[in-house]
Amino acid sequence: GVQNWRDVYRPLFRYRRVTVLADNDDTGQGNDFARTVAGKIGGCQIVVMPKGHDVNSYFAEVGKEIFLKYINGEDTPE
């Protein structure tokens, strides 16, 4: 988690497109976590899972194809 972040990791993400996936099955901790990570990396896109889902549950429900469309902004949940 964010507590384990070390600034030495930052160069690993330079010149890369980074998408941080945020859980949406809690009381906001997933979004807080995503914002913290994105702030440490810089220039990230944050994608919040549909209400009631974490990353795993949404992937398991919709499958790889729809999941990838969703995180790439090509699809929205019903």
PDB file of N, CA and C in Angstrom:
ATOM      1  N   GLY A   1       0.802  -1.187   0.000  1.00  0.00           N
ATOM      2  CA  GLY A   1       0.000   0.000   0.000  1.00  0.00           C
ATOM      3  C   GLY A   1       0.849   1.255   0.000  1.00  0.00           C
ATOM      4  N   VAL A   2       0.185   2.358   0.169  1.00  0.00           N
ATOM      5  CA  VAL A   2       0.855   3.650   0.142  1.00  0.00           C
ATOM      6  C   VAL A   2       1.911   3.756   1.237  1.00  0.00           C
ATOM      7  N   GLN A   3       1.668   3.115   2.381  1.00  0.00           N
ATOM      8  CA  GLN A   3       2.623   3.178   3.472  1.00  0.00           C
ATOM      9  C   GLN A   3       3.978   2.598   3.075  1.00  0.00           C
ATOM     10  N   ASN A   4       3.976   1.708   2.104  1.00  0.00           N
ATOM     11  CA  ASN A   4       5.210   1.060   1.671  1.00  0.00           C
ATOM     12  C   ASN A   4       5.904   1.783   0.522  1.00  0.00           C
ATOM     13  N   TRP A   5       5.338   2.911   0.086  1.00  0.00           N
ATOM     14  CA  TRP A   5       5.921   3.659  -1.026  1.00  0.00           C
ATOM     15  C   TRP A   5       7.288   4.219  -0.638  1.00  0.00           C
ATOM     16  N   ARG A   6       8.233   4.134  -1.555  1.00  0.00           N
ATOM     17  CA  ARG A   6       9.548   4.733  -1.393  1.00  0.00           C
ATOM     18  C   ARG A   6       9.778   5.628  -2.606  1.00  0.00           C
ATOM     19  N   ASP A   7      10.328   6.811  -2.379  1.00  0.00           N
ATOM     20  CA  ASP A   7      10.541   7.745  -3.490  1.00  0.00           C
ATOM     21  C   ASP A   7      11.463   7.183  -4.565  1.00  0.00           C
ATOM     22  N   VAL A   8      12.237   6.189  -4.222  1.00  0.00           N
ATOM     23  CA  VAL A   8      13.110   5.562  -5.216  1.00  0.00           C
ATOM     24  C   VAL A   8      12.292   4.885  -6.327  1.00  0.00           C
ATOM     25  N   TYR A   9      10.996   4.614  -6.064  1.00  0.00           N
ATOM     26  CA  TYR A   9      10.132   3.988  -7.072  1.00  0.00           C
ATOM     27  C   TYR A   9       9.738   4.953  -8.183  1.00  0.00           C
ATOM     28  N   ARG A  10       9.711   6.253  -7.882  1.00  0.00           N
ATOM     29  CA  ARG A  10       9.203   7.246  -8.821  1.00  0.00           C
ATOM     30  C   ARG A  10       9.826   7.132 -10.227  1.00  0.00           C
ATOM     31  N   PRO A  11      11.153   6.993 -10.368  1.00  0.00           N
ATOM     32  CA  PRO A  11      11.730   6.904 -11.718  1.00  0.00           C
ATOM     33  C   PRO A  11      11.235   5.712 -12.538  1.00  0.00           C
ATOM     34  N   LEU A  12      10.754   4.680 -11.874  1.00  0.00           N
ATOM     35  CA  LEU A  12      10.253   3.508 -12.594  1.00  0.00           C
ATOM     36  C   LEU A  12       9.031   3.838 -13.441  1.00  0.00           C
ATOM     37  N   PHE A  13       8.317   4.907 -13.079  1.00  0.00           N
ATOM     38  CA  PHE A  13       7.082   5.269 -13.767  1.00  0.00           C
ATOM     39  C   PHE A  13       7.265   6.418 -14.757  1.00  0.00           C
ATOM     40  N   ARG A  14       8.442   7.004 -14.805  1.00  0.00           N
ATOM     41  CA  ARG A  14       8.694   8.117 -15.711  1.00  0.00           C
ATOM     42  C   ARG A  14       8.570   7.642 -17.159  1.00  0.00           C
ATOM     43  N   TYR A  15       7.993   8.477 -17.980  1.00  0.00           N
ATOM     44  CA  TYR A  15       7.807   8.207 -19.418  1.00  0.00           C
ATOM     45  C   TYR A  15       6.858   7.042 -19.676  1.00  0.00           C
ATOM     46  N   ARG A  16       6.006   6.754 -18.731  1.00  0.00           N
ATOM     47  CA  ARG A  16       5.031   5.676 -18.894  1.00  0.00           C
ATOM     48  C   ARG A  16       3.631   6.228 -18.655  1.00  0.00           C
ATOM     49  N   ARG A  17       2.684   5.601 -19.296  1.00  0.00           N
ATOM     50  CA  ARG A  17       1.278   5.917 -19.039  1.00  0.00           C
ATOM     51  C   ARG A  17       0.846   5.065 -17.846  1.00  0.00           C
ATOM     52  N   VAL A  18       0.470   5.729 -16.769  1.00  0.00           N
ATOM     53  CA  VAL A  18       0.119   5.021 -15.543  1.00  0.00           C
ATOM     54  C   VAL A  18      -1.350   5.262 -15.234  1.00  0.00           C
ATOM     55  N   THR A  19      -2.078   4.183 -15.016  1.00  0.00           N
ATOM     56  CA  THR A  19      -3.463   4.257 -14.596  1.00  0.00           C
ATOM     57  C   THR A  19      -3.570   3.595 -13.231  1.00  0.00           C
ATOM     58  N   VAL A  20      -4.070   4.350 -12.267  1.00  0.00           N
ATOM     59  CA  VAL A  20      -4.268   3.832 -10.917  1.00  0.00           C
ATOM     60  C   VAL A  20      -5.741   3.455 -10.796  1.00  0.00           C
ATOM     61  N   LEU A  21      -6.007   2.202 -10.459  1.00  0.00           N
ATOM     62  CA  LEU A  21      -7.377   1.716 -10.323  1.00  0.00           C
ATOM     63  C   LEU A  21      -7.808   1.807  -8.868  1.00  0.00           C
ATOM     64  N   ALA A  22      -8.924   2.497  -8.631  1.00  0.00           N
ATOM     65  CA  ALA A  22      -9.400   2.724  -7.273  1.00  0.00           C
ATOM     66  C   ALA A  22     -10.619   1.868  -6.971  1.00  0.00           C
ATOM     67  N   ASP A  23     -10.566   1.164  -5.837  1.00  0.00           N
ATOM     68  CA  ASP A  23     -11.726   0.417  -5.365  1.00  0.00           C
ATOM     69  C   ASP A  23     -12.850   1.388  -5.026  1.00  0.00           C
ATOM     70  N   ASN A  24     -14.090   0.900  -5.145  1.00  0.00           N
ATOM     71  CA  ASN A  24     -15.249   1.730  -4.819  1.00  0.00           C
ATOM     72  C   ASN A  24     -16.250   0.912  -4.007  1.00  0.00           C
ATOM     73  N   ASP A  25     -15.714   0.071  -3.113  1.00  0.00           N
ATOM     74  CA  ASP A  25     -16.567  -0.789  -2.292  1.00  0.00           C
ATOM     75  C   ASP A  25     -16.401  -0.481  -0.813  1.00  0.00           C
ATOM     76  N   ASP A  26     -15.914   0.716  -0.527  1.00  0.00           N
ATOM     77  CA  ASP A  26     -15.650   1.087   0.854  1.00  0.00           C
ATOM     78  C   ASP A  26     -16.177   2.501   1.109  1.00  0.00           C
ATOM     79  N   THR A  27     -15.667   3.146   2.120  1.00  0.00           N
ATOM     80  CA  THR A  27     -16.144   4.489   2.448  1.00  0.00           C
ATOM     81  C   THR A  27     -15.194   5.568   1.954  1.00  0.00           C
ATOM     82  N   GLY A  28     -14.506   5.303   0.865  1.00  0.00           N
ATOM     83  CA  GLY A  28     -13.627   6.302   0.271  1.00  0.00           C
ATOM     84  C   GLY A  28     -12.153   6.007   0.382  1.00  0.00           C
ATOM     85  N   GLN A  29     -11.800   4.948   1.095  1.00  0.00           N
ATOM     86  CA  GLN A  29     -10.384   4.631   1.239  1.00  0.00           C
ATOM     87  C   GLN A  29      -9.733   4.309  -0.104  1.00  0.00           C
ATOM     88  N   GLY A  30     -10.457   3.660  -0.983  1.00  0.00           N
ATOM     89  CA  GLY A  30      -9.905   3.312  -2.296  1.00  0.00           C
ATOM     90  C   GLY A  30      -9.549   4.541  -3.100  1.00  0.00           C
ATOM     91  N   ASN A  31     -10.423   5.521  -3.082  1.00  0.00           N
ATOM     92  CA  ASN A  31     -10.168   6.755  -3.809  1.00  0.00           C
ATOM     93  C   ASN A  31      -9.033   7.535  -3.151  1.00  0.00           C
ATOM     94  N   ASP A  32      -8.999   7.573  -1.817  1.00  0.00           N
ATOM     95  CA  ASP A  32      -7.910   8.241  -1.105  1.00  0.00           C
ATOM     96  C   ASP A  32      -6.576   7.593  -1.449  1.00  0.00           C
ATOM     97  N   PHE A  33      -6.563   6.271  -1.458  1.00  0.00           N
ATOM     98  CA  PHE A  33      -5.351   5.527  -1.802  1.00  0.00           C
ATOM     99  C   PHE A  33      -4.891   5.891  -3.214  1.00  0.00           C
ATOM    100  N   ALA A  34      -5.813   5.891  -4.163  1.00  0.00           N
ATOM    101  CA  ALA A  34      -5.474   6.191  -5.552  1.00  0.00           C
ATOM    102  C   ALA A  34      -4.907   7.604  -5.695  1.00  0.00           C
ATOM    103  N   ARG A  35      -5.518   8.564  -5.029  1.00  0.00           N
ATOM    104  CA  ARG A  35      -5.023   9.950  -5.097  1.00  0.00           C
ATOM    105  C   ARG A  35      -3.637  10.070  -4.493  1.00  0.00           C
ATOM    106  N   THR A  36      -3.392   9.352  -3.409  1.00  0.00           N
ATOM    107  CA  THR A  36      -2.076   9.398  -2.778  1.00  0.00           C
ATOM    108  C   THR A  36      -1.011   8.822  -3.704  1.00  0.00           C
ATOM    109  N   VAL A  37      -1.285   7.668  -4.278  1.00  0.00           N
ATOM    110  CA  VAL A  37      -0.327   7.047  -5.202  1.00  0.00           C
ATOM    111  C   VAL A  37      -0.107   7.942  -6.415  1.00  0.00           C
ATOM    112  N   ALA A  38      -1.190   8.456  -6.996  1.00  0.00           N
ATOM    113  CA  ALA A  38      -1.077   9.318  -8.169  1.00  0.00           C
ATOM    114  C   ALA A  38      -0.265  10.570  -7.847  1.00  0.00           C
ATOM    115  N   GLY A  39      -0.430  11.098  -6.646  1.00  0.00           N
ATOM    116  CA  GLY A  39       0.336  12.274  -6.245  1.00  0.00           C
ATOM    117  C   GLY A  39       1.818  11.989  -6.138  1.00  0.00           C
ATOM    118  N   LYS A  40       2.161  10.789  -5.750  1.00  0.00           N
ATOM    119  CA  LYS A  40       3.569  10.418  -5.622  1.00  0.00           C
ATOM    120  C   LYS A  40       4.199  10.145  -6.973  1.00  0.00           C
ATOM    121  N   ILE A  41       3.425   9.635  -7.913  1.00  0.00           N
ATOM    122  CA  ILE A  41       3.958   9.332  -9.242  1.00  0.00           C
ATOM    123  C   ILE A  41       3.878  10.562 -10.131  1.00  0.00           C
ATOM    124  N   GLY A  42       2.737  11.248 -10.113  1.00  0.00           N
ATOM    125  CA  GLY A  42       2.533  12.420 -10.957  1.00  0.00           C
ATOM    126  C   GLY A  42       2.074  12.023 -12.351  1.00  0.00           C
ATOM    127  N   GLY A  43       1.157  12.792 -12.901  1.00  0.00           N
ATOM    128  CA  GLY A  43       0.701  12.571 -14.269  1.00  0.00           C
ATOM    129  C   GLY A  43      -0.092  11.300 -14.488  1.00  0.00           C
ATOM    130  N   CYS A  44      -0.705  10.775 -13.455  1.00  0.00           N
ATOM    131  CA  CYS A  44      -1.464   9.529 -13.564  1.00  0.00           C
ATOM    132  C   CYS A  44      -2.922   9.799 -13.894  1.00  0.00           C
ATOM    133  N   GLN A  45      -3.525   8.782 -14.449  1.00  0.00           N
ATOM    134  CA  GLN A  45      -4.968   8.756 -14.627  1.00  0.00           C
ATOM    135  C   GLN A  45      -5.520   7.871 -13.519  1.00  0.00           C
ATOM    136  N   ILE A  46      -6.606   8.312 -12.875  1.00  0.00           N
ATOM    137  CA  ILE A  46      -7.266   7.492 -11.864  1.00  0.00           C
ATOM    138  C   ILE A  46      -8.592   7.022 -12.433  1.00  0.00           C
ATOM    139  N   VAL A  47      -8.835   5.716 -12.349  1.00  0.00           N
ATOM    140  CA  VAL A  47     -10.111   5.139 -12.766  1.00  0.00           C
ATOM    141  C   VAL A  47     -10.741   4.500 -11.536  1.00  0.00           C
ATOM    142  N   VAL A  48     -11.911   5.008 -11.169  1.00  0.00           N
ATOM    143  CA  VAL A  48     -12.638   4.478 -10.010  1.00  0.00           C
ATOM    144  C   VAL A  48     -13.584   3.381 -10.490  1.00  0.00           C
ATOM    145  N   MET A  49     -13.562   2.264  -9.809  1.00  0.00           N
ATOM    146  CA  MET A  49     -14.443   1.159 -10.156  1.00  0.00           C
ATOM    147  C   MET A  49     -15.892   1.568  -9.920  1.00  0.00           C
ATOM    148  N   PRO A  50     -16.827   0.903 -10.596  1.00  0.00           N
ATOM    149  CA  PRO A  50     -18.248   1.185 -10.366  1.00  0.00           C
ATOM    150  C   PRO A  50     -18.608   0.975  -8.890  1.00  0.00           C
ATOM    151  N   LYS A  51     -19.625   1.696  -8.432  1.00  0.00           N
ATOM    152  CA  LYS A  51     -20.063   1.636  -7.032  1.00  0.00           C
ATOM    153  C   LYS A  51     -20.267   0.186  -6.585  1.00  0.00           C
ATOM    154  N   GLY A  52     -19.716  -0.129  -5.428  1.00  0.00           N
ATOM    155  CA  GLY A  52     -19.873  -1.456  -4.855  1.00  0.00           C
ATOM    156  C   GLY A  52     -18.818  -2.459  -5.284  1.00  0.00           C
ATOM    157  N   HIS A  53     -17.869  -2.036  -6.112  1.00  0.00           N
ATOM    158  CA  HIS A  53     -16.858  -2.972  -6.616  1.00  0.00           C
ATOM    159  C   HIS A  53     -15.453  -2.571  -6.218  1.00  0.00           C
ATOM    160  N   ASP A  54     -14.629  -3.597  -6.008  1.00  0.00           N
ATOM    161  CA  ASP A  54     -13.201  -3.382  -6.024  1.00  0.00           C
ATOM    162  C   ASP A  54     -12.721  -3.879  -7.389  1.00  0.00           C
ATOM    163  N   VAL A  55     -11.449  -3.751  -7.663  1.00  0.00           N
ATOM    164  CA  VAL A  55     -10.931  -4.115  -8.988  1.00  0.00           C
ATOM    165  C   VAL A  55     -11.229  -5.574  -9.305  1.00  0.00           C
ATOM    166  N   ASN A  56     -10.970  -6.462  -8.355  1.00  0.00           N
ATOM    167  CA  ASN A  56     -11.170  -7.888  -8.590  1.00  0.00           C
ATOM    168  C   ASN A  56     -12.630  -8.240  -8.837  1.00  0.00           C
ATOM    169  N   SER A  57     -13.540  -7.695  -8.035  1.00  0.00           N
ATOM    170  CA  SER A  57     -14.950  -8.067  -8.191  1.00  0.00           C
ATOM    171  C   SER A  57     -15.511  -7.573  -9.525  1.00  0.00           C
ATOM    172  N   TYR A  58     -15.079  -6.391  -9.959  1.00  0.00           N
ATOM    173  CA  TYR A  58     -15.571  -5.892 -11.242  1.00  0.00           C
ATOM    174  C   TYR A  58     -15.033  -6.727 -12.398  1.00  0.00           C
ATOM    175  N   PHE A  59     -13.735  -7.062 -12.338  1.00  0.00           N
ATOM    176  CA  PHE A  59     -13.144  -7.912 -13.377  1.00  0.00           C
ATOM    177  C   PHE A  59     -13.851  -9.261 -13.423  1.00  0.00           C
ATOM    178  N   ALA A  60     -14.088  -9.854 -12.258  1.00  0.00           N
ATOM    179  CA  ALA A  60     -14.745 -11.164 -12.196  1.00  0.00           C
ATOM    180  C   ALA A  60     -16.164 -11.102 -12.750  1.00  0.00           C
ATOM    181  N   GLU A  61     -16.855  -9.979 -12.533  1.00  0.00           N
ATOM    182  CA  GLU A  61     -18.230  -9.858 -13.001  1.00  0.00           C
ATOM    183  C   GLU A  61     -18.329  -9.647 -14.510  1.00  0.00           C
ATOM    184  N   VAL A  62     -17.452  -8.807 -15.067  1.00  0.00           N
ATOM    185  CA  VAL A  62     -17.630  -8.418 -16.474  1.00  0.00           C
ATOM    186  C   VAL A  62     -16.653  -9.077 -17.439  1.00  0.00           C
ATOM    187  N   GLY A  63     -15.552  -9.618 -16.954  1.00  0.00           N
ATOM    188  CA  GLY A  63     -14.575 -10.256 -17.819  1.00  0.00           C
ATOM    189  C   GLY A  63     -13.551  -9.270 -18.364  1.00  0.00           C
ATOM    190  N   LYS A  64     -12.519  -9.843 -18.972  1.00  0.00           N
ATOM    191  CA  LYS A  64     -11.359  -9.067 -19.416  1.00  0.00           C
ATOM    192  C   LYS A  64     -11.710  -7.987 -20.438  1.00  0.00           C
ATOM    193  N   GLU A  65     -12.468  -8.330 -21.461  1.00  0.00           N
ATOM    194  CA  GLU A  65     -12.738  -7.396 -22.560  1.00  0.00           C
ATOM    195  C   GLU A  65     -13.460  -6.134 -22.073  1.00  0.00           C
ATOM    196  N   ILE A  66     -14.531  -6.309 -21.337  1.00  0.00           N
ATOM    197  CA  ILE A  66     -15.297  -5.154 -20.846  1.00  0.00           C
ATOM    198  C   ILE A  66     -14.488  -4.388 -19.802  1.00  0.00           C
ATOM    199  N   PHE A  67     -13.754  -5.102 -18.961  1.00  0.00           N
ATOM    200  CA  PHE A  67     -12.925  -4.452 -17.960  1.00  0.00           C
ATOM    201  C   PHE A  67     -11.907  -3.526 -18.621  1.00  0.00           C
ATOM    202  N   LEU A  68     -11.219  -4.018 -19.633  1.00  0.00           N
ATOM    203  CA  LEU A  68     -10.224  -3.194 -20.330  1.00  0.00           C
ATOM    204  C   LEU A  68     -10.873  -1.999 -21.017  1.00  0.00           C
ATOM    205  N   LYS A  69     -12.044  -2.203 -21.595  1.00  0.00           N
ATOM    206  CA  LYS A  69     -12.763  -1.076 -22.199  1.00  0.00           C
ATOM    207  C   LYS A  69     -13.092  -0.037 -21.136  1.00  0.00           C
ATOM    208  N   TYR A  70     -13.535  -0.483 -19.985  1.00  0.00           N
ATOM    209  CA  TYR A  70     -13.895   0.430 -18.906  1.00  0.00           C
ATOM    210  C   TYR A  70     -12.699   1.251 -18.446  1.00  0.00           C
ATOM    211  N   ILE A  71     -11.569   0.598 -18.176  1.00  0.00           N
ATOM    212  CA  ILE A  71     -10.417   1.351 -17.663  1.00  0.00           C
ATOM    213  C   ILE A  71      -9.796   2.242 -18.738  1.00  0.00           C
ATOM    214  N   ASN A  72     -10.079   1.949 -19.999  1.00  0.00           N
ATOM    215  CA  ASN A  72      -9.599   2.805 -21.086  1.00  0.00           C
ATOM    216  C   ASN A  72     -10.625   3.859 -21.489  1.00  0.00           C
ATOM    217  N   GLY A  73     -11.739   3.938 -20.747  1.00  0.00           N
ATOM    218  CA  GLY A  73     -12.752   4.965 -20.998  1.00  0.00           C
ATOM    219  C   GLY A  73     -13.638   4.706 -22.198  1.00  0.00           C
ATOM    220  N   GLU A  74     -13.669   3.471 -22.682  1.00  0.00           N
ATOM    221  CA  GLU A  74     -14.454   3.129 -23.860  1.00  0.00           C
ATOM    222  C   GLU A  74     -15.829   2.563 -23.510  1.00  0.00           C
ATOM    223  N   ASP A  75     -16.078   2.313 -22.236  1.00  0.00           N
ATOM    224  CA  ASP A  75     -17.319   1.682 -21.829  1.00  0.00           C
ATOM    225  C   ASP A  75     -17.679   2.181 -20.434  1.00  0.00           C
ATOM    226  N   THR A  76     -18.954   2.265 -20.154  1.00  0.00           N
ATOM    227  CA  THR A  76     -19.397   2.631 -18.812  1.00  0.00           C
ATOM    228  C   THR A  76     -20.299   1.523 -18.305  1.00  0.00           C
ATOM    229  N   PRO A  77     -20.298   1.298 -16.993  1.00  0.00           N
ATOM    230  CA  PRO A  77     -21.162   0.233 -16.457  1.00  0.00           C
ATOM    231  C   PRO A  77     -22.628   0.637 -16.577  1.00  0.00           C
ATOM    232  N   GLU A  78     -23.492  -0.379 -16.639  1.00  0.00           N
ATOM    233  CA  GLU A  78     -24.936  -0.135 -16.749  1.00  0.00           C
ATOM    234  C   GLU A  78     -25.494   0.459 -15.489  1.00  0.00           C
TER     235      GLU A  78
END
